[in-house]
C-alpha cells in the first residue's frame, strides 16, 4: 500500500488544484500508463499520449472511482 499522494502506473488521477478527474475527450477518466522524467521533470503519461507533471496530480480515491 503506497502513500496517499503517490501515483503509480495503472492509477486514475485527479488534479491537486481542483480535484477534477483527468479526462479524455469523451469524458472518461484516463489511466496512468507510464511515469518518467521528461524535460527534467517527473511526468505521468496517460493512455491517450497526453501527460501532466507528477506534482500536479494525486491518486484518485477508490471510493470516488466506484461512483463512476
C-alpha atoms as a PDB file:
ATOM      1  CA  UNK A   1       0.000   0.000   0.000  1.00  0.00           C
ATOM      2  CA  UNK A   2       1.569   3.266  -1.134  1.00  0.00           C
ATOM      3  CA  UNK A   3       1.294   6.741   0.227  1.00  0.00           C
ATOM      4  CA  UNK A   4      -1.916   8.680  -0.395  1.00  0.00           C
ATOM      5  CA  UNK A   5      -0.300  11.111  -2.831  1.00  0.00           C
ATOM      6  CA  UNK A   6       1.892   8.515  -4.525  1.00  0.00           C
ATOM      7  CA  UNK A   7       0.836   7.882  -8.117  1.00  0.00           C
ATOM      8  CA  UNK A   8       1.601   4.518  -9.705  1.00  0.00           C
ATOM      9  CA  UNK A   9       1.163   3.008 -13.137  1.00  0.00           C
ATOM     10  CA  UNK A  10      -2.447   1.870 -13.541  1.00  0.00           C
ATOM     11  CA  UNK A  11      -3.893   4.545 -11.244  1.00  0.00           C
ATOM     12  CA  UNK A  12      -6.556   7.039 -12.168  1.00  0.00           C
ATOM     13  CA  UNK A  13      -5.653  10.533 -11.016  1.00  0.00           C
ATOM     14  CA  UNK A  14      -7.232  13.858 -10.130  1.00  0.00           C
ATOM     15  CA  UNK A  15      -5.724  17.330 -10.295  1.00  0.00           C
ATOM     16  CA  UNK A  16      -4.420  18.652  -6.954  1.00  0.00           C
ATOM     17  CA  UNK A  17      -5.647  22.197  -7.501  1.00  0.00           C
ATOM     18  CA  UNK A  18      -9.240  21.375  -8.432  1.00  0.00           C
ATOM     19  CA  UNK A  19      -9.839  17.702  -7.520  1.00  0.00           C
ATOM     20  CA  UNK A  20     -11.189  17.116 -11.044  1.00  0.00           C
ATOM     21  CA  UNK A  21     -10.503  13.863 -12.849  1.00  0.00           C
ATOM     22  CA  UNK A  22      -8.006  13.814 -15.690  1.00  0.00           C
ATOM     23  CA  UNK A  23     -10.422  13.058 -18.550  1.00  0.00           C
ATOM     24  CA  UNK A  24     -10.198  12.163 -22.218  1.00  0.00           C
ATOM     25  CA  UNK A  25     -12.247  13.846 -24.953  1.00  0.00           C
ATOM     26  CA  UNK A  26     -15.226  11.573 -24.218  1.00  0.00           C
ATOM     27  CA  UNK A  27     -15.248  12.446 -20.513  1.00  0.00           C
ATOM     28  CA  UNK A  28     -13.784   9.153 -19.284  1.00  0.00           C
ATOM     29  CA  UNK A  29     -11.014   9.098 -16.655  1.00  0.00           C
ATOM     30  CA  UNK A  30      -7.538   8.382 -18.015  1.00  0.00           C
ATOM     31  CA  UNK A  31      -5.279   5.699 -16.593  1.00  0.00           C
ATOM     32  CA  UNK A  32      -1.577   6.343 -15.961  1.00  0.00           C
ATOM     33  CA  UNK A  33       0.486   4.079 -18.239  1.00  0.00           C
ATOM     34  CA  UNK A  34       3.993   5.464 -17.683  1.00  0.00           C
ATOM     35  CA  UNK A  35       5.897   7.596 -15.205  1.00  0.00           C
ATOM     36  CA  UNK A  36       9.233   9.027 -16.308  1.00  0.00           C
ATOM     37  CA  UNK A  37      11.419  12.108 -16.222  1.00  0.00           C
ATOM     38  CA  UNK A  38      10.808  14.255 -19.281  1.00  0.00           C
ATOM     39  CA  UNK A  39      12.009  17.799 -19.810  1.00  0.00           C
ATOM     40  CA  UNK A  40      13.851  17.491 -16.473  1.00  0.00           C
ATOM     41  CA  UNK A  41      10.606  16.989 -14.540  1.00  0.00           C
ATOM     42  CA  UNK A  42       8.843  13.847 -13.402  1.00  0.00           C
ATOM     43  CA  UNK A  43       5.736  13.320 -15.549  1.00  0.00           C
ATOM     44  CA  UNK A  44       2.794  10.922 -15.727  1.00  0.00           C
ATOM     45  CA  UNK A  45       1.700   9.765 -19.178  1.00  0.00           C
ATOM     46  CA  UNK A  46      -1.825   8.600 -19.980  1.00  0.00           C
ATOM     47  CA  UNK A  47      -3.409   6.066 -22.339  1.00  0.00           C
ATOM     48  CA  UNK A  48      -4.053   8.717 -24.996  1.00  0.00           C
ATOM     49  CA  UNK A  49      -0.456  10.005 -25.039  1.00  0.00           C
ATOM     50  CA  UNK A  50      -1.102  13.163 -23.020  1.00  0.00           C
ATOM     51  CA  UNK A  51       0.887  13.927 -19.895  1.00  0.00           C
ATOM     52  CA  UNK A  52       0.893  16.021 -16.730  1.00  0.00           C
ATOM     53  CA  UNK A  53       3.626  16.869 -14.287  1.00  0.00           C
ATOM     54  CA  UNK A  54       3.737  14.367 -11.445  1.00  0.00           C
ATOM     55  CA  UNK A  55       3.432  17.041  -8.774  1.00  0.00           C
ATOM     56  CA  UNK A  56       0.163  18.388 -10.264  1.00  0.00           C
ATOM     57  CA  UNK A  57      -1.862  15.178  -9.746  1.00  0.00           C
ATOM     58  CA  UNK A  58      -2.733  12.757  -6.949  1.00  0.00           C
ATOM     59  CA  UNK A  59      -4.207   9.277  -6.973  1.00  0.00           C
ATOM     60  CA  UNK A  60      -7.982   9.229  -7.157  1.00  0.00           C
ATOM     61  CA  UNK A  61      -9.628   7.803  -4.002  1.00  0.00           C
ATOM     62  CA  UNK A  62     -11.100   4.349  -4.672  1.00  0.00           C
ATOM     63  CA  UNK A  63     -14.483   5.408  -3.291  1.00  0.00           C
ATOM     64  CA  UNK A  64     -14.703   8.169  -5.885  1.00  0.00           C
ATOM     65  CA  UNK A  65     -13.870   5.676  -8.640  1.00  0.00           C
ATOM     66  CA  UNK A  66     -16.750   3.455  -7.536  1.00  0.00           C
ATOM     67  CA  UNK A  67     -19.171   6.279  -8.239  1.00  0.00           C
ATOM     68  CA  UNK A  68     -18.302   6.282 -11.939  1.00  0.00           C
END
